[in-house]
N, C-alpha and C. Protein backbone atom coordinates (compact mmCIF):
# COMPACT_ATOMS: atom_id res chain seq x y z
N UNK A 1 0.76 -1.11 0.04
CA UNK A 1 0.05 -0.01 0.14
C UNK A 1 0.89 1.15 0.03
N UNK A 2 0.66 2.14 -0.90
CA UNK A 2 1.42 3.41 -0.85
C UNK A 2 1.19 4.33 0.25
N UNK A 3 1.94 5.24 0.49
CA UNK A 3 2.04 6.09 1.75
C UNK A 3 0.74 7.05 1.67
N UNK A 4 0.36 7.40 0.45
CA UNK A 4 -0.82 8.32 0.22
C UNK A 4 -2.09 7.55 0.63
N UNK A 5 -2.22 6.33 0.16
CA UNK A 5 -3.38 5.37 0.56
C UNK A 5 -3.43 5.12 1.94
N UNK A 6 -2.21 4.89 2.47
CA UNK A 6 -2.22 4.57 3.97
C UNK A 6 -2.52 5.93 4.86
N UNK A 7 -2.12 6.99 4.56
CA UNK A 7 -2.50 8.24 5.33
C UNK A 7 -3.95 8.47 5.05
N UNK A 8 -4.54 8.26 3.87
CA UNK A 8 -5.70 8.57 3.74
C UNK A 8 -6.74 7.58 4.46
N UNK A 9 -6.31 6.32 4.60
CA UNK A 9 -7.04 5.25 5.40
C UNK A 9 -6.88 5.70 6.91
N UNK A 10 -5.89 6.04 7.25
CA UNK A 10 -5.64 6.36 8.71
C UNK A 10 -6.48 7.66 9.04
N UNK A 11 -6.50 8.61 8.19
CA UNK A 11 -7.21 9.72 8.49
C UNK A 11 -8.87 9.46 8.45
N UNK A 12 -9.39 8.68 7.74
CA UNK A 12 -10.78 8.05 7.94
C UNK A 12 -11.01 7.25 9.02
N UNK A 13 -10.11 6.44 9.45
CA UNK A 13 -10.21 5.37 10.60
C UNK A 13 -10.16 6.26 11.82
N UNK A 14 -9.35 7.25 11.97
CA UNK A 14 -9.13 8.00 13.18
C UNK A 14 -10.40 8.91 13.50
N UNK A 15 -11.08 9.46 12.47
CA UNK A 15 -12.39 10.26 12.46
C UNK A 15 -13.42 9.56 13.28
N UNK A 16 -13.46 8.12 12.99
CA UNK A 16 -14.59 7.34 13.54
C UNK A 16 -14.38 6.81 15.00
N UNK A 17 -13.28 7.20 15.49
CA UNK A 17 -12.77 6.71 16.87
C UNK A 17 -13.32 7.93 17.77
N UNK A 18 -14.20 7.63 18.81
CA UNK A 18 -14.57 8.59 19.49
C UNK A 18 -13.43 9.01 20.67
N UNK A 19 -13.48 10.15 21.03
CA UNK A 19 -12.20 10.55 22.04
C UNK A 19 -12.38 9.76 23.37
N UNK A 20 -11.16 9.44 24.05
CA UNK A 20 -11.42 8.56 25.16
C UNK A 20 -11.75 9.45 26.38
N UNK A 21 -12.50 8.86 27.29
CA UNK A 21 -12.99 9.66 28.31
C UNK A 21 -11.78 9.67 29.41
N UNK A 22 -11.61 10.97 30.14
CA UNK A 22 -10.69 10.93 30.84
C UNK A 22 -10.78 10.17 32.05
N UNK A 23 -9.72 9.47 32.65
CA UNK A 23 -9.74 8.57 33.69
C UNK A 23 -9.64 9.41 35.08
N UNK A 24 -10.09 8.90 36.15
CA UNK A 24 -10.22 9.38 37.33
C UNK A 24 -9.84 8.49 38.36
N UNK A 25 -9.10 8.89 39.44
CA UNK A 25 -8.70 7.98 40.39
C UNK A 25 -10.01 7.77 41.24
N UNK A 26 -10.95 8.48 41.14
CA UNK A 26 -12.17 8.30 42.07
C UNK A 26 -12.79 7.13 41.48
N UNK A 27 -12.67 6.81 40.39
CA UNK A 27 -13.34 5.56 39.90
C UNK A 27 -13.07 4.39 40.35
N UNK A 28 -11.71 4.32 41.00
CA UNK A 28 -11.29 3.01 41.26
C UNK A 28 -11.83 2.62 42.53
N UNK A 29 -11.86 1.24 42.78
CA UNK A 29 -12.21 0.81 44.28
C UNK A 29 -11.01 1.02 45.25
N UNK A 30 -11.34 1.25 46.47
CA UNK A 30 -10.27 1.39 47.56
C UNK A 30 -9.32 0.25 47.36
N UNK A 31 -8.11 0.58 47.57
CA UNK A 31 -7.05 -0.51 47.66
C UNK A 31 -7.02 -1.33 48.84
N UNK A 32 -7.04 -2.74 48.62
CA UNK A 32 -7.08 -3.57 49.58
C UNK A 32 -5.59 -3.94 50.26
N UNK A 33 -5.50 -3.66 51.51
CA UNK A 33 -4.10 -4.03 52.10
C UNK A 33 -4.08 -5.20 52.90
N UNK A 34 -2.97 -6.03 52.86
CA UNK A 34 -2.74 -7.21 53.40
C UNK A 34 -1.62 -7.17 54.63
N UNK A 35 -1.82 -7.65 55.66
CA UNK A 35 -0.70 -7.70 56.74
C UNK A 35 0.24 -8.67 56.27
N UNK A 36 1.50 -8.22 56.74
CA UNK A 36 2.70 -8.83 56.40
C UNK A 36 3.93 -8.75 57.36
N UNK A 37 4.78 -9.58 57.36
CA UNK A 37 6.05 -9.51 58.21
C UNK A 37 7.21 -9.12 57.27
N UNK A 38 7.95 -7.99 57.63
CA UNK A 38 8.93 -7.68 56.67
C UNK A 38 9.99 -8.79 56.80
N UNK A 39 10.51 -9.09 55.78
CA UNK A 39 11.52 -10.27 55.78
C UNK A 39 12.99 -9.87 56.19
N UNK A 40 13.19 -8.55 56.33
CA UNK A 40 14.44 -8.11 56.62
C UNK A 40 14.36 -7.73 58.18
N UNK A 41 13.72 -6.96 58.76
CA UNK A 41 13.53 -6.53 60.06
C UNK A 41 12.71 -7.29 61.06
N UNK A 42 11.69 -7.84 60.36
CA UNK A 42 10.60 -8.65 61.14
C UNK A 42 9.56 -7.77 61.73
N UNK A 43 9.52 -6.50 61.28
CA UNK A 43 8.44 -5.57 61.62
C UNK A 43 7.01 -5.86 60.97
N UNK A 44 5.86 -5.79 61.60
CA UNK A 44 4.69 -5.94 60.87
C UNK A 44 4.29 -5.01 60.04
N UNK A 45 3.91 -5.09 58.82
CA UNK A 45 3.56 -4.01 57.87
C UNK A 45 2.43 -4.39 57.11
N UNK A 46 1.81 -3.57 56.28
CA UNK A 46 0.67 -3.83 55.49
C UNK A 46 1.22 -3.47 53.90
N UNK A 47 0.77 -4.27 53.12
CA UNK A 47 1.24 -4.27 51.67
C UNK A 47 -0.07 -4.23 50.89
N UNK A 48 0.14 -3.62 49.68
CA UNK A 48 -1.16 -3.50 48.68
C UNK A 48 -1.25 -4.51 47.71
N UNK A 49 -0.71 -5.75 48.19
CA UNK A 49 -0.78 -7.02 47.52
C UNK A 49 -0.97 -8.15 48.36
N UNK A 50 -1.37 -9.42 47.98
CA UNK A 50 -1.46 -10.48 48.77
C UNK A 50 0.09 -11.23 48.83
N UNK A 51 0.64 -11.16 49.85
CA UNK A 51 2.00 -11.87 49.91
C UNK A 51 1.97 -13.38 49.50
N UNK A 52 2.98 -13.67 48.69
CA UNK A 52 3.10 -15.04 48.23
C UNK A 52 4.16 -15.79 49.12
N UNK A 53 3.78 -17.02 49.54
CA UNK A 53 4.71 -17.70 50.37
C UNK A 53 6.02 -17.96 49.54
N UNK A 54 7.19 -17.99 50.26
CA UNK A 54 8.46 -18.16 49.54
C UNK A 54 9.06 -16.72 48.96
N UNK A 55 8.19 -15.67 48.83
CA UNK A 55 8.73 -14.54 48.26
C UNK A 55 8.92 -13.45 49.55
N UNK A 56 9.91 -12.81 49.53
CA UNK A 56 10.21 -11.87 50.47
C UNK A 56 9.37 -10.56 50.39
N UNK A 57 8.87 -9.99 51.60
CA UNK A 57 8.15 -8.79 51.68
C UNK A 57 8.83 -7.93 52.42
N UNK A 58 9.08 -6.56 52.04
CA UNK A 58 9.66 -5.55 52.85
C UNK A 58 8.82 -4.45 53.19
N UNK A 59 9.00 -3.97 54.60
CA UNK A 59 8.43 -2.91 55.03
C UNK A 59 8.83 -1.50 54.28
N UNK A 60 8.21 -0.37 54.40
CA UNK A 60 8.59 0.70 53.64
C UNK A 60 10.09 1.22 54.10
N UNK A 61 10.58 0.90 55.31
CA UNK A 61 11.90 1.36 55.81
C UNK A 61 13.07 0.36 55.08
N UNK A 62 12.82 -0.70 54.96
CA UNK A 62 13.65 -1.77 54.21
C UNK A 62 13.75 -1.91 52.74
N UNK A 63 12.64 -1.49 52.15
CA UNK A 63 12.40 -1.63 50.76
C UNK A 63 13.53 -0.96 49.91
N UNK A 64 13.79 0.21 50.14
CA UNK A 64 14.83 1.04 49.45
C UNK A 64 16.19 0.23 49.39
N UNK A 65 16.57 -0.37 50.43
CA UNK A 65 17.81 -1.38 50.46
C UNK A 65 17.88 -2.37 49.55
N UNK A 66 16.53 -2.99 49.18
CA UNK A 66 16.53 -4.04 48.31
C UNK A 66 16.01 -3.82 46.87
N UNK A 67 15.82 -2.46 46.51
CA UNK A 67 15.54 -2.12 45.11
C UNK A 67 16.85 -2.00 44.29
N UNK A 68 16.53 -2.30 43.08
CA UNK A 68 17.80 -2.28 42.21
C UNK A 68 18.02 -0.86 41.71
N UNK A 69 19.14 -0.42 41.58
CA UNK A 69 19.59 0.96 41.15
C UNK A 69 18.89 1.17 39.71
N UNK A 70 18.41 2.49 39.57
CA UNK A 70 17.92 2.84 38.25
C UNK A 70 19.09 2.64 37.16
N UNK A 71 18.69 2.19 36.16
CA UNK A 71 19.60 2.18 34.91
C UNK A 71 19.48 3.25 33.94
N UNK A 72 20.34 4.24 33.64
CA UNK A 72 20.15 5.31 32.70
C UNK A 72 20.87 5.11 31.58
């Protein structure tokens, strides 16, 4: 398909797509927290996911020590 046909097809196709509705955080249900014990310091904490047996869970104080440094 030549570029002129492709661009004409895309312009027609885009016209038929209604604009996306803005998303709101208010539309989300409240986050469910689960109790857990930090694998590093042993302190009880709450996490926004269901802990899986065999995988470590860290509290907010210990989590930064176990995060991988960002790659730039």
